[in-house]
Amino acid sequence: MSPESLTLNRTQLRREMRQRRRALSVAEQKKASARLKTQVLALPEFLQAKRVAIYLPNDGEIDPTQLIDQARKMGKVCYLPVLQPLVENRLWFVRFDHKTPMTHNRFGIPEPKLKGFADKKRNRCRPEDLDLVLFPLVAFDEHGGRMGMGGGFYDRTFAFTRHRRFAKPTMIGLAHECQKVKDLPIADWDIPLQAIASDQGVYRA
């Protein structure tokens, strides 16, 4: 498949999958969130992790926020992605709890508000020091293939995981079951995952 055809197919698929998750009702979203929590809490990767990166849902993404309170009760530290102001299309991960001051990034997504150099240094976690990263997907297949929003933020931030000397972090995508397709066109820059968890099951890569 040519690069042009791959880009076209991914663009069309991304549009369709976003429409699918947006079409879910509030009740369906809540049920999916509760089921997702059950799936993730059974994962050994989640049980063993101490530093967990998670996200706040946007644009119909499956909602993992029920996991935040549970993670804190289990003694874990949660981090949210923040658009890095110094490097284009990369992420910082900043410690988060319900007292964390928040702001909105350029996409309108809530993220922790950093105040000064000391605050940034104290509350940030380097991507390679995270134990587990739970992040949203636009589409996935049963073989662990994934498609993101198209900005490449996670792919660029975690490109280092392609090197075997990095044992961490474990990368697990989260999605609605309706975002599953039979075969996903994969690009060279897509970061491979260990698993994908949906509201209906877990798919190992």
N, C-alpha and C. Protein backbone atom coordinates (compact mmCIF):
# COMPACT_ATOMS: atom_id res chain seq x y z
N MET A 1 0.85 -1.20 0.00
CA MET A 1 0.00 0.00 0.00
C MET A 1 0.88 1.25 0.00
N SER A 2 0.58 2.19 -0.86
CA SER A 2 1.37 3.40 -0.96
C SER A 2 1.13 4.28 0.26
N PRO A 3 2.10 5.19 0.60
CA PRO A 3 1.89 6.11 1.72
C PRO A 3 0.64 6.95 1.56
N GLU A 4 0.34 7.33 0.29
CA GLU A 4 -0.84 8.15 0.05
C GLU A 4 -2.13 7.37 0.37
N SER A 5 -2.17 6.09 -0.07
CA SER A 5 -3.35 5.27 0.20
C SER A 5 -3.51 5.00 1.69
N LEU A 6 -2.37 4.77 2.37
CA LEU A 6 -2.41 4.53 3.81
C LEU A 6 -2.98 5.74 4.54
N THR A 7 -2.52 6.93 4.16
CA THR A 7 -2.99 8.16 4.80
C THR A 7 -4.47 8.35 4.57
N LEU A 8 -4.93 8.08 3.34
CA LEU A 8 -6.34 8.25 3.01
C LEU A 8 -7.20 7.28 3.82
N ASN A 9 -6.77 6.01 3.87
CA ASN A 9 -7.54 5.00 4.61
C ASN A 9 -7.62 5.35 6.09
N ARG A 10 -6.51 5.80 6.66
CA ARG A 10 -6.48 6.15 8.07
C ARG A 10 -7.35 7.36 8.35
N THR A 11 -7.35 8.32 7.47
CA THR A 11 -8.17 9.52 7.65
C THR A 11 -9.65 9.16 7.63
N GLN A 12 -10.06 8.34 6.69
CA GLN A 12 -11.46 7.92 6.59
C GLN A 12 -11.87 7.11 7.82
N LEU A 13 -11.00 6.19 8.22
CA LEU A 13 -11.31 5.35 9.37
C LEU A 13 -11.38 6.18 10.66
N ARG A 14 -10.47 7.11 10.80
CA ARG A 14 -10.45 7.96 11.99
C ARG A 14 -11.75 8.76 12.09
N ARG A 15 -12.23 9.27 10.98
CA ARG A 15 -13.47 10.04 10.97
C ARG A 15 -14.66 9.15 11.38
N GLU A 16 -14.72 7.94 10.83
CA GLU A 16 -15.82 7.04 11.14
C GLU A 16 -15.82 6.61 12.61
N MET A 17 -14.64 6.29 13.14
CA MET A 17 -14.56 5.84 14.53
C MET A 17 -14.91 6.95 15.52
N ARG A 18 -14.51 8.16 15.20
CA ARG A 18 -14.86 9.28 16.08
C ARG A 18 -16.38 9.50 16.09
N GLN A 19 -17.00 9.33 14.94
CA GLN A 19 -18.46 9.46 14.87
C GLN A 19 -19.14 8.36 15.69
N ARG A 20 -18.58 7.15 15.67
CA ARG A 20 -19.16 6.05 16.43
C ARG A 20 -19.16 6.35 17.93
N ARG A 21 -18.05 6.79 18.44
CA ARG A 21 -17.99 7.00 19.89
C ARG A 21 -18.79 8.24 20.31
N ARG A 22 -18.86 9.24 19.43
CA ARG A 22 -19.68 10.41 19.75
C ARG A 22 -21.16 10.05 19.79
N ALA A 23 -21.56 9.03 19.04
CA ALA A 23 -22.97 8.65 18.95
C ALA A 23 -23.47 7.92 20.20
N LEU A 24 -22.56 7.51 21.07
CA LEU A 24 -22.96 6.81 22.29
C LEU A 24 -23.67 7.77 23.23
N SER A 25 -24.77 7.30 23.84
CA SER A 25 -25.52 8.14 24.77
C SER A 25 -24.77 8.28 26.09
N VAL A 26 -25.22 9.20 26.92
CA VAL A 26 -24.61 9.39 28.23
C VAL A 26 -24.70 8.11 29.05
N ALA A 27 -25.84 7.44 29.00
CA ALA A 27 -26.02 6.17 29.73
C ALA A 27 -25.06 5.11 29.22
N GLU A 28 -24.89 5.03 27.90
CA GLU A 28 -23.98 4.05 27.32
C GLU A 28 -22.54 4.34 27.71
N GLN A 29 -22.19 5.62 27.74
CA GLN A 29 -20.84 6.01 28.15
C GLN A 29 -20.57 5.61 29.60
N LYS A 30 -21.55 5.81 30.48
CA LYS A 30 -21.37 5.47 31.89
C LYS A 30 -21.20 3.97 32.07
N LYS A 31 -22.01 3.19 31.37
CA LYS A 31 -21.90 1.74 31.44
C LYS A 31 -20.53 1.28 30.93
N ALA A 32 -20.09 1.87 29.83
CA ALA A 32 -18.79 1.50 29.27
C ALA A 32 -17.66 1.83 30.23
N SER A 33 -17.77 2.98 30.90
CA SER A 33 -16.74 3.39 31.86
C SER A 33 -16.65 2.40 33.02
N ALA A 34 -17.80 1.99 33.54
CA ALA A 34 -17.82 1.03 34.65
C ALA A 34 -17.24 -0.32 34.23
N ARG A 35 -17.57 -0.76 33.02
CA ARG A 35 -17.05 -2.03 32.53
C ARG A 35 -15.55 -1.95 32.27
N LEU A 36 -15.11 -0.81 31.77
CA LEU A 36 -13.68 -0.62 31.53
C LEU A 36 -12.92 -0.71 32.85
N LYS A 37 -13.45 -0.09 33.89
CA LYS A 37 -12.80 -0.15 35.20
C LYS A 37 -12.59 -1.59 35.63
N THR A 38 -13.61 -2.43 35.46
CA THR A 38 -13.49 -3.84 35.82
C THR A 38 -12.39 -4.54 35.03
N GLN A 39 -12.32 -4.24 33.73
CA GLN A 39 -11.31 -4.86 32.88
C GLN A 39 -9.90 -4.46 33.32
N VAL A 40 -9.70 -3.16 33.56
CA VAL A 40 -8.35 -2.67 33.88
C VAL A 40 -7.91 -3.12 35.26
N LEU A 41 -8.83 -3.15 36.22
CA LEU A 41 -8.47 -3.56 37.58
C LEU A 41 -8.01 -5.01 37.65
N ALA A 42 -8.35 -5.80 36.65
CA ALA A 42 -7.93 -7.20 36.61
C ALA A 42 -6.57 -7.39 35.93
N LEU A 43 -6.03 -6.32 35.35
CA LEU A 43 -4.77 -6.43 34.63
C LEU A 43 -3.59 -6.47 35.61
N PRO A 44 -2.70 -7.44 35.49
CA PRO A 44 -1.52 -7.46 36.37
C PRO A 44 -0.65 -6.23 36.19
N GLU A 45 -0.63 -5.68 34.98
CA GLU A 45 0.17 -4.47 34.74
C GLU A 45 -0.33 -3.30 35.58
N PHE A 46 -1.65 -3.21 35.77
CA PHE A 46 -2.20 -2.14 36.58
C PHE A 46 -1.95 -2.42 38.06
N LEU A 47 -2.13 -3.64 38.49
CA LEU A 47 -1.96 -3.98 39.89
C LEU A 47 -0.52 -3.74 40.36
N GLN A 48 0.44 -3.98 39.49
CA GLN A 48 1.84 -3.87 39.85
C GLN A 48 2.40 -2.45 39.69
N ALA A 49 1.74 -1.61 38.92
CA ALA A 49 2.28 -0.28 38.62
C ALA A 49 2.19 0.65 39.83
N LYS A 50 3.18 1.51 39.96
CA LYS A 50 3.19 2.55 41.00
C LYS A 50 2.91 3.93 40.40
N ARG A 51 3.46 4.18 39.24
CA ARG A 51 3.27 5.46 38.55
C ARG A 51 2.45 5.21 37.29
N VAL A 52 1.24 5.75 37.28
CA VAL A 52 0.30 5.46 36.20
C VAL A 52 -0.09 6.75 35.47
N ALA A 53 0.12 6.80 34.18
CA ALA A 53 -0.35 7.91 33.36
C ALA A 53 -1.74 7.57 32.84
N ILE A 54 -2.64 8.52 32.93
CA ILE A 54 -4.01 8.31 32.50
C ILE A 54 -4.45 9.57 31.76
N TYR A 55 -5.70 9.69 31.38
CA TYR A 55 -6.15 10.86 30.64
C TYR A 55 -7.56 11.23 31.07
N LEU A 56 -7.96 12.44 30.77
CA LEU A 56 -9.33 12.87 30.96
C LEU A 56 -10.04 12.79 29.61
N PRO A 57 -11.24 12.22 29.55
CA PRO A 57 -11.88 11.95 28.26
C PRO A 57 -12.29 13.21 27.51
N ASN A 58 -12.26 13.10 26.19
CA ASN A 58 -12.64 14.20 25.31
C ASN A 58 -13.17 13.62 24.01
N ASP A 59 -14.13 14.28 23.40
CA ASP A 59 -14.60 13.89 22.08
C ASP A 59 -15.15 12.47 22.03
N GLY A 60 -15.84 12.05 23.09
CA GLY A 60 -16.44 10.72 23.09
C GLY A 60 -15.53 9.59 23.51
N GLU A 61 -14.29 9.90 23.92
CA GLU A 61 -13.36 8.86 24.35
C GLU A 61 -13.93 8.11 25.56
N ILE A 62 -13.61 6.84 25.66
CA ILE A 62 -14.06 6.08 26.82
C ILE A 62 -13.45 6.69 28.09
N ASP A 63 -14.26 6.77 29.14
CA ASP A 63 -13.91 7.52 30.34
C ASP A 63 -13.21 6.62 31.36
N PRO A 64 -11.92 6.88 31.65
CA PRO A 64 -11.20 6.06 32.62
C PRO A 64 -11.10 6.69 34.01
N THR A 65 -11.84 7.79 34.25
CA THR A 65 -11.61 8.55 35.48
C THR A 65 -12.00 7.79 36.74
N GLN A 66 -12.87 6.77 36.64
CA GLN A 66 -13.17 5.96 37.81
C GLN A 66 -11.92 5.25 38.33
N LEU A 67 -10.96 5.05 37.45
CA LEU A 67 -9.72 4.37 37.84
C LEU A 67 -8.82 5.26 38.68
N ILE A 68 -8.99 6.58 38.60
CA ILE A 68 -8.09 7.49 39.31
C ILE A 68 -8.25 7.33 40.82
N ASP A 69 -9.47 7.40 41.30
CA ASP A 69 -9.70 7.22 42.74
C ASP A 69 -9.25 5.85 43.21
N GLN A 70 -9.54 4.83 42.41
CA GLN A 70 -9.14 3.48 42.78
C GLN A 70 -7.62 3.36 42.84
N ALA A 71 -6.94 3.96 41.89
CA ALA A 71 -5.48 3.90 41.86
C ALA A 71 -4.89 4.56 43.10
N ARG A 72 -5.44 5.71 43.50
CA ARG A 72 -4.94 6.40 44.68
C ARG A 72 -5.17 5.59 45.94
N LYS A 73 -6.32 4.91 46.03
CA LYS A 73 -6.60 4.05 47.18
C LYS A 73 -5.60 2.90 47.27
N MET A 74 -5.07 2.51 46.12
CA MET A 74 -4.11 1.41 46.07
C MET A 74 -2.68 1.88 46.23
N GLY A 75 -2.51 3.18 46.51
CA GLY A 75 -1.17 3.72 46.74
C GLY A 75 -0.42 4.10 45.49
N LYS A 76 -1.11 4.21 44.38
CA LYS A 76 -0.46 4.59 43.13
C LYS A 76 -0.49 6.11 42.96
N VAL A 77 0.40 6.62 42.14
CA VAL A 77 0.43 8.04 41.80
C VAL A 77 -0.01 8.18 40.34
N CYS A 78 -0.98 9.06 40.10
CA CYS A 78 -1.51 9.25 38.74
C CYS A 78 -0.94 10.52 38.12
N TYR A 79 -0.73 10.44 36.83
CA TYR A 79 -0.21 11.57 36.06
C TYR A 79 -1.09 11.80 34.84
N LEU A 80 -1.25 13.07 34.48
CA LEU A 80 -1.99 13.43 33.28
C LEU A 80 -1.05 14.00 32.23
N PRO A 81 -1.36 13.79 30.95
CA PRO A 81 -0.54 14.39 29.90
C PRO A 81 -0.75 15.90 29.81
N VAL A 82 0.34 16.60 29.55
CA VAL A 82 0.31 18.05 29.35
C VAL A 82 1.08 18.34 28.08
N LEU A 83 0.52 19.17 27.20
CA LEU A 83 1.23 19.53 25.98
C LEU A 83 2.51 20.27 26.35
N GLN A 84 3.63 19.73 25.94
CA GLN A 84 4.91 20.31 26.30
C GLN A 84 5.09 21.65 25.58
N PRO A 85 5.35 22.70 26.32
CA PRO A 85 5.45 24.03 25.69
C PRO A 85 6.75 24.25 24.94
N LEU A 86 7.77 23.41 25.19
CA LEU A 86 9.08 23.66 24.61
C LEU A 86 9.35 22.83 23.35
N VAL A 87 8.68 21.69 23.22
CA VAL A 87 8.90 20.81 22.08
C VAL A 87 7.56 20.51 21.42
N GLU A 88 7.46 20.73 20.13
CA GLU A 88 6.21 20.55 19.41
C GLU A 88 5.78 19.08 19.39
N ASN A 89 4.49 18.86 19.67
CA ASN A 89 3.87 17.53 19.56
C ASN A 89 4.50 16.48 20.48
N ARG A 90 4.88 16.90 21.67
CA ARG A 90 5.32 15.96 22.69
C ARG A 90 4.62 16.27 24.00
N LEU A 91 4.67 15.31 24.92
CA LEU A 91 3.90 15.42 26.15
C LEU A 91 4.80 15.41 27.38
N TRP A 92 4.39 16.18 28.38
CA TRP A 92 4.87 16.02 29.74
C TRP A 92 3.83 15.21 30.50
N PHE A 93 4.22 14.63 31.63
CA PHE A 93 3.26 13.96 32.50
C PHE A 93 3.38 14.55 33.90
N VAL A 94 2.25 15.09 34.36
CA VAL A 94 2.24 15.87 35.59
C VAL A 94 1.33 15.20 36.62
N ARG A 95 1.81 15.16 37.84
CA ARG A 95 1.06 14.53 38.94
C ARG A 95 -0.32 15.16 39.08
N PHE A 96 -1.32 14.28 39.34
CA PHE A 96 -2.70 14.76 39.38
C PHE A 96 -3.46 14.13 40.54
N ASP A 97 -4.21 14.99 41.26
CA ASP A 97 -5.25 14.54 42.18
C ASP A 97 -6.37 15.57 42.11
N HIS A 98 -7.38 15.43 42.94
CA HIS A 98 -8.54 16.30 42.83
C HIS A 98 -8.27 17.73 43.30
N LYS A 99 -7.11 17.97 43.89
CA LYS A 99 -6.74 19.32 44.31
C LYS A 99 -5.83 20.02 43.30
N THR A 100 -5.46 19.32 42.25
CA THR A 100 -4.55 19.88 41.25
C THR A 100 -5.23 21.01 40.48
N PRO A 101 -4.62 22.22 40.45
CA PRO A 101 -5.19 23.29 39.63
C PRO A 101 -5.13 22.93 38.16
N MET A 102 -6.21 23.25 37.43
CA MET A 102 -6.30 22.83 36.05
C MET A 102 -6.45 24.04 35.12
N THR A 103 -6.09 23.81 33.87
CA THR A 103 -6.29 24.78 32.82
C THR A 103 -6.71 24.01 31.58
N HIS A 104 -6.93 24.72 30.46
CA HIS A 104 -7.28 24.05 29.20
C HIS A 104 -6.18 24.31 28.18
N ASN A 105 -5.80 23.25 27.47
CA ASN A 105 -4.79 23.42 26.44
C ASN A 105 -5.41 23.96 25.15
N ARG A 106 -4.63 24.03 24.11
CA ARG A 106 -5.11 24.66 22.87
C ARG A 106 -6.20 23.85 22.17
N PHE A 107 -6.39 22.60 22.59
CA PHE A 107 -7.46 21.77 22.04
C PHE A 107 -8.70 21.81 22.93
N GLY A 108 -8.64 22.57 24.01
CA GLY A 108 -9.77 22.66 24.92
C GLY A 108 -9.85 21.52 25.91
N ILE A 109 -8.77 20.74 26.04
CA ILE A 109 -8.74 19.59 26.94
C ILE A 109 -8.16 20.02 28.28
N PRO A 110 -8.79 19.68 29.40
CA PRO A 110 -8.23 20.04 30.71
C PRO A 110 -6.90 19.35 30.96
N GLU A 111 -5.97 20.08 31.56
CA GLU A 111 -4.69 19.53 31.94
C GLU A 111 -4.17 20.27 33.17
N PRO A 112 -3.28 19.66 33.95
CA PRO A 112 -2.74 20.33 35.13
C PRO A 112 -2.04 21.64 34.77
N LYS A 113 -2.23 22.63 35.63
CA LYS A 113 -1.62 23.94 35.43
C LYS A 113 -0.30 23.99 36.18
N LEU A 114 0.77 24.28 35.47
CA LEU A 114 2.10 24.35 36.06
C LEU A 114 2.44 25.79 36.43
N LYS A 115 2.94 25.97 37.65
CA LYS A 115 3.24 27.31 38.13
C LYS A 115 4.72 27.39 38.53
N GLY A 116 5.53 27.87 37.61
CA GLY A 116 6.94 28.08 37.91
C GLY A 116 7.80 26.84 37.76
N PHE A 117 9.11 27.05 37.72
CA PHE A 117 10.07 25.98 37.48
C PHE A 117 10.03 24.93 38.59
N ALA A 118 9.95 25.37 39.84
CA ALA A 118 9.96 24.42 40.97
C ALA A 118 8.77 23.48 40.91
N ASP A 119 7.62 24.03 40.57
CA ASP A 119 6.41 23.22 40.47
C ASP A 119 6.55 22.20 39.34
N LYS A 120 7.09 22.64 38.22
CA LYS A 120 7.28 21.73 37.09
C LYS A 120 8.22 20.59 37.45
N LYS A 121 9.32 20.93 38.12
CA LYS A 121 10.32 19.92 38.47
C LYS A 121 9.79 18.93 39.50
N ARG A 122 9.02 19.43 40.46
CA ARG A 122 8.53 18.58 41.55
C ARG A 122 7.44 17.63 41.09
N ASN A 123 6.56 18.07 40.22
CA ASN A 123 5.35 17.29 39.88
C ASN A 123 5.43 16.54 38.57
N ARG A 124 6.47 16.74 37.80
CA ARG A 124 6.59 16.03 36.53
C ARG A 124 7.21 14.66 36.71
N CYS A 125 6.83 13.75 35.81
CA CYS A 125 7.47 12.44 35.74
C CYS A 125 7.95 12.23 34.31
N ARG A 126 9.19 11.83 34.16
CA ARG A 126 9.70 11.55 32.82
C ARG A 126 8.96 10.36 32.23
N PRO A 127 8.68 10.38 30.93
CA PRO A 127 7.97 9.25 30.31
C PRO A 127 8.61 7.90 30.60
N GLU A 128 9.94 7.86 30.60
CA GLU A 128 10.62 6.58 30.82
C GLU A 128 10.57 6.11 32.27
N ASP A 129 10.11 6.99 33.19
CA ASP A 129 9.98 6.59 34.60
C ASP A 129 8.57 6.15 34.97
N LEU A 130 7.64 6.27 34.05
CA LEU A 130 6.28 5.78 34.28
C LEU A 130 6.28 4.24 34.24
N ASP A 131 5.41 3.64 35.03
CA ASP A 131 5.28 2.19 34.99
C ASP A 131 4.23 1.76 33.96
N LEU A 132 3.16 2.54 33.87
CA LEU A 132 2.04 2.17 33.01
C LEU A 132 1.44 3.42 32.39
N VAL A 133 1.15 3.35 31.10
CA VAL A 133 0.49 4.45 30.39
C VAL A 133 -0.82 3.93 29.83
N LEU A 134 -1.92 4.53 30.27
CA LEU A 134 -3.25 4.23 29.75
C LEU A 134 -3.69 5.41 28.90
N PHE A 135 -3.92 5.18 27.62
CA PHE A 135 -4.23 6.31 26.77
C PHE A 135 -5.32 5.98 25.76
N PRO A 136 -5.98 7.01 25.25
CA PRO A 136 -7.14 6.80 24.37
C PRO A 136 -6.74 6.41 22.96
N LEU A 137 -7.67 5.76 22.28
CA LEU A 137 -7.48 5.35 20.89
C LEU A 137 -8.66 5.82 20.05
N VAL A 138 -8.43 5.93 18.76
CA VAL A 138 -9.52 6.17 17.82
C VAL A 138 -10.03 4.85 17.27
N ALA A 139 -9.12 3.92 17.03
CA ALA A 139 -9.50 2.60 16.51
C ALA A 139 -8.44 1.58 16.92
N PHE A 140 -8.84 0.30 16.92
CA PHE A 140 -7.91 -0.77 17.24
C PHE A 140 -8.38 -2.06 16.58
N ASP A 141 -7.47 -3.05 16.53
CA ASP A 141 -7.87 -4.37 16.05
C ASP A 141 -7.49 -5.42 17.09
N GLU A 142 -7.88 -6.65 16.84
CA GLU A 142 -7.68 -7.72 17.82
C GLU A 142 -6.22 -8.11 18.00
N HIS A 143 -5.35 -7.63 17.13
CA HIS A 143 -3.94 -7.98 17.19
C HIS A 143 -3.12 -6.92 17.94
N GLY A 144 -3.79 -5.95 18.52
CA GLY A 144 -3.07 -4.91 19.25
C GLY A 144 -2.72 -3.70 18.41
N GLY A 145 -3.16 -3.67 17.16
CA GLY A 145 -2.94 -2.49 16.33
C GLY A 145 -3.76 -1.32 16.84
N ARG A 146 -3.23 -0.12 16.74
CA ARG A 146 -3.90 1.05 17.28
C ARG A 146 -3.82 2.23 16.32
N MET A 147 -4.78 3.11 16.44
CA MET A 147 -4.77 4.37 15.70
C MET A 147 -5.13 5.49 16.66
N GLY A 148 -4.28 6.52 16.69
CA GLY A 148 -4.52 7.67 17.55
C GLY A 148 -5.26 8.77 16.82
N MET A 149 -5.25 9.96 17.42
CA MET A 149 -5.99 11.08 16.88
C MET A 149 -5.34 11.68 15.63
N GLY A 150 -4.06 11.38 15.44
CA GLY A 150 -3.39 11.89 14.25
C GLY A 150 -2.36 12.95 14.54
N GLY A 151 -2.29 13.43 15.78
CA GLY A 151 -1.31 14.46 16.12
C GLY A 151 0.07 13.90 16.41
N GLY A 152 0.15 12.61 16.72
CA GLY A 152 1.44 11.98 16.97
C GLY A 152 2.05 12.27 18.32
N PHE A 153 1.27 12.80 19.26
CA PHE A 153 1.82 13.18 20.56
C PHE A 153 2.39 11.99 21.32
N TYR A 154 1.61 10.92 21.43
CA TYR A 154 2.09 9.74 22.15
C TYR A 154 3.20 9.04 21.37
N ASP A 155 3.07 8.97 20.07
CA ASP A 155 4.08 8.29 19.26
C ASP A 155 5.44 8.96 19.39
N ARG A 156 5.47 10.28 19.35
CA ARG A 156 6.74 10.99 19.49
C ARG A 156 7.28 10.90 20.92
N THR A 157 6.40 11.05 21.89
CA THR A 157 6.83 11.04 23.29
C THR A 157 7.41 9.69 23.69
N PHE A 158 6.83 8.61 23.17
CA PHE A 158 7.25 7.27 23.58
C PHE A 158 8.00 6.52 22.48
N ALA A 159 8.58 7.25 21.55
CA ALA A 159 9.35 6.61 20.49
C ALA A 159 10.51 5.79 21.05
N PHE A 160 11.02 6.20 22.21
CA PHE A 160 12.15 5.48 22.83
C PHE A 160 11.80 4.04 23.19
N THR A 161 10.51 3.71 23.32
CA THR A 161 10.13 2.35 23.72
C THR A 161 10.42 1.32 22.63
N ARG A 162 10.76 1.78 21.45
CA ARG A 162 11.13 0.85 20.38
C ARG A 162 12.47 0.18 20.67
N HIS A 163 13.27 0.78 21.56
CA HIS A 163 14.58 0.22 21.89
C HIS A 163 14.43 -0.76 23.05
N ARG A 164 15.01 -1.94 22.91
CA ARG A 164 14.81 -3.01 23.87
C ARG A 164 15.35 -2.68 25.27
N ARG A 165 16.29 -1.77 25.36
CA ARG A 165 16.88 -1.49 26.67
C ARG A 165 15.88 -0.78 27.60
N PHE A 166 14.77 -0.31 27.06
CA PHE A 166 13.75 0.34 27.88
C PHE A 166 12.67 -0.68 28.23
N ALA A 167 12.64 -1.08 29.50
CA ALA A 167 11.64 -2.04 29.95
C ALA A 167 10.32 -1.37 30.31
N LYS A 168 10.36 -0.08 30.55
CA LYS A 168 9.16 0.67 30.93
C LYS A 168 8.94 1.79 29.93
N PRO A 169 7.74 2.33 29.90
CA PRO A 169 6.53 1.88 30.59
C PRO A 169 5.77 0.83 29.77
N THR A 170 4.85 0.16 30.43
CA THR A 170 3.89 -0.67 29.71
C THR A 170 2.86 0.25 29.07
N MET A 171 2.52 -0.02 27.83
CA MET A 171 1.60 0.83 27.08
C MET A 171 0.31 0.07 26.80
N ILE A 172 -0.81 0.59 27.31
CA ILE A 172 -2.10 -0.04 27.12
C ILE A 172 -3.11 1.00 26.63
N GLY A 173 -3.72 0.72 25.50
CA GLY A 173 -4.72 1.62 24.94
C GLY A 173 -6.11 1.31 25.49
N LEU A 174 -6.94 2.33 25.59
CA LEU A 174 -8.31 2.18 26.08
C LEU A 174 -9.28 2.66 25.01
N ALA A 175 -10.37 1.91 24.82
CA ALA A 175 -11.33 2.28 23.77
C ALA A 175 -12.67 1.62 24.01
N HIS A 176 -13.69 2.15 23.36
CA HIS A 176 -14.98 1.48 23.30
C HIS A 176 -14.86 0.26 22.38
N GLU A 177 -15.61 -0.79 22.68
CA GLU A 177 -15.61 -1.97 21.83
C GLU A 177 -16.05 -1.64 20.41
N CYS A 178 -16.91 -0.66 20.25
CA CYS A 178 -17.39 -0.29 18.91
C CYS A 178 -16.30 0.34 18.05
N GLN A 179 -15.13 0.60 18.62
CA GLN A 179 -14.02 1.16 17.86
C GLN A 179 -13.10 0.07 17.29
N LYS A 180 -13.47 -1.19 17.49
CA LYS A 180 -12.66 -2.30 16.99
C LYS A 180 -12.95 -2.56 15.52
N VAL A 181 -11.90 -2.79 14.76
CA VAL A 181 -12.02 -3.16 13.35
C VAL A 181 -11.26 -4.47 13.13
N LYS A 182 -11.49 -5.12 11.99
CA LYS A 182 -10.88 -6.42 11.73
C LYS A 182 -9.38 -6.29 11.55
N ASP A 183 -8.96 -5.43 10.66
CA ASP A 183 -7.54 -5.21 10.40
C ASP A 183 -7.29 -3.73 10.27
N LEU A 184 -6.31 -3.25 11.00
CA LEU A 184 -6.02 -1.82 11.03
C LEU A 184 -4.77 -1.52 10.21
N PRO A 185 -4.84 -0.54 9.31
CA PRO A 185 -3.62 -0.16 8.59
C PRO A 185 -2.63 0.52 9.54
N ILE A 186 -1.47 -0.09 9.71
CA ILE A 186 -0.48 0.39 10.68
C ILE A 186 0.61 1.17 9.95
N ALA A 187 1.00 2.30 10.54
CA ALA A 187 2.07 3.11 9.98
C ALA A 187 3.38 2.82 10.73
N ASP A 188 4.49 3.15 10.10
CA ASP A 188 5.81 2.86 10.68
C ASP A 188 6.01 3.57 12.02
N TRP A 189 5.36 4.72 12.18
CA TRP A 189 5.59 5.52 13.39
C TRP A 189 4.68 5.13 14.57
N ASP A 190 3.73 4.22 14.35
CA ASP A 190 2.83 3.82 15.43
C ASP A 190 3.58 3.03 16.50
N ILE A 191 3.48 3.49 17.74
CA ILE A 191 4.14 2.82 18.84
C ILE A 191 3.38 1.53 19.17
N PRO A 192 4.06 0.39 19.25
CA PRO A 192 3.38 -0.86 19.58
C PRO A 192 2.93 -0.89 21.04
N LEU A 193 1.83 -1.57 21.29
CA LEU A 193 1.27 -1.67 22.62
C LEU A 193 1.41 -3.09 23.17
N GLN A 194 1.32 -3.21 24.49
CA GLN A 194 1.26 -4.53 25.10
C GLN A 194 -0.16 -5.08 25.07
N ALA A 195 -1.14 -4.18 25.14
CA ALA A 195 -2.54 -4.63 25.16
C ALA A 195 -3.46 -3.46 24.88
N ILE A 196 -4.71 -3.80 24.58
CA ILE A 196 -5.79 -2.81 24.46
C ILE A 196 -6.95 -3.32 25.30
N ALA A 197 -7.49 -2.43 26.14
CA ALA A 197 -8.64 -2.78 26.98
C ALA A 197 -9.85 -1.99 26.51
N SER A 198 -10.95 -2.70 26.31
CA SER A 198 -12.20 -2.05 25.97
C SER A 198 -13.21 -2.35 27.08
N ASP A 199 -14.42 -1.88 26.90
CA ASP A 199 -15.48 -2.18 27.87
C ASP A 199 -15.94 -3.63 27.79
N GLN A 200 -15.47 -4.36 26.77
CA GLN A 200 -15.90 -5.74 26.58
C GLN A 200 -14.80 -6.77 26.74
N GLY A 201 -13.55 -6.35 26.78
CA GLY A 201 -12.49 -7.34 26.90
C GLY A 201 -11.12 -6.72 26.79
N VAL A 202 -10.10 -7.58 26.86
CA VAL A 202 -8.70 -7.18 26.75
C VAL A 202 -8.09 -7.93 25.57
N TYR A 203 -7.40 -7.19 24.73
CA TYR A 203 -6.76 -7.76 23.54
C TYR A 203 -5.25 -7.59 23.67
N ARG A 204 -4.56 -8.71 23.73
CA ARG A 204 -3.12 -8.69 23.86
C ARG A 204 -2.45 -8.59 22.49
N ALA A 205 -1.41 -7.80 22.44
CA ALA A 205 -0.68 -7.64 21.17
C ALA A 205 0.07 -8.93 20.86
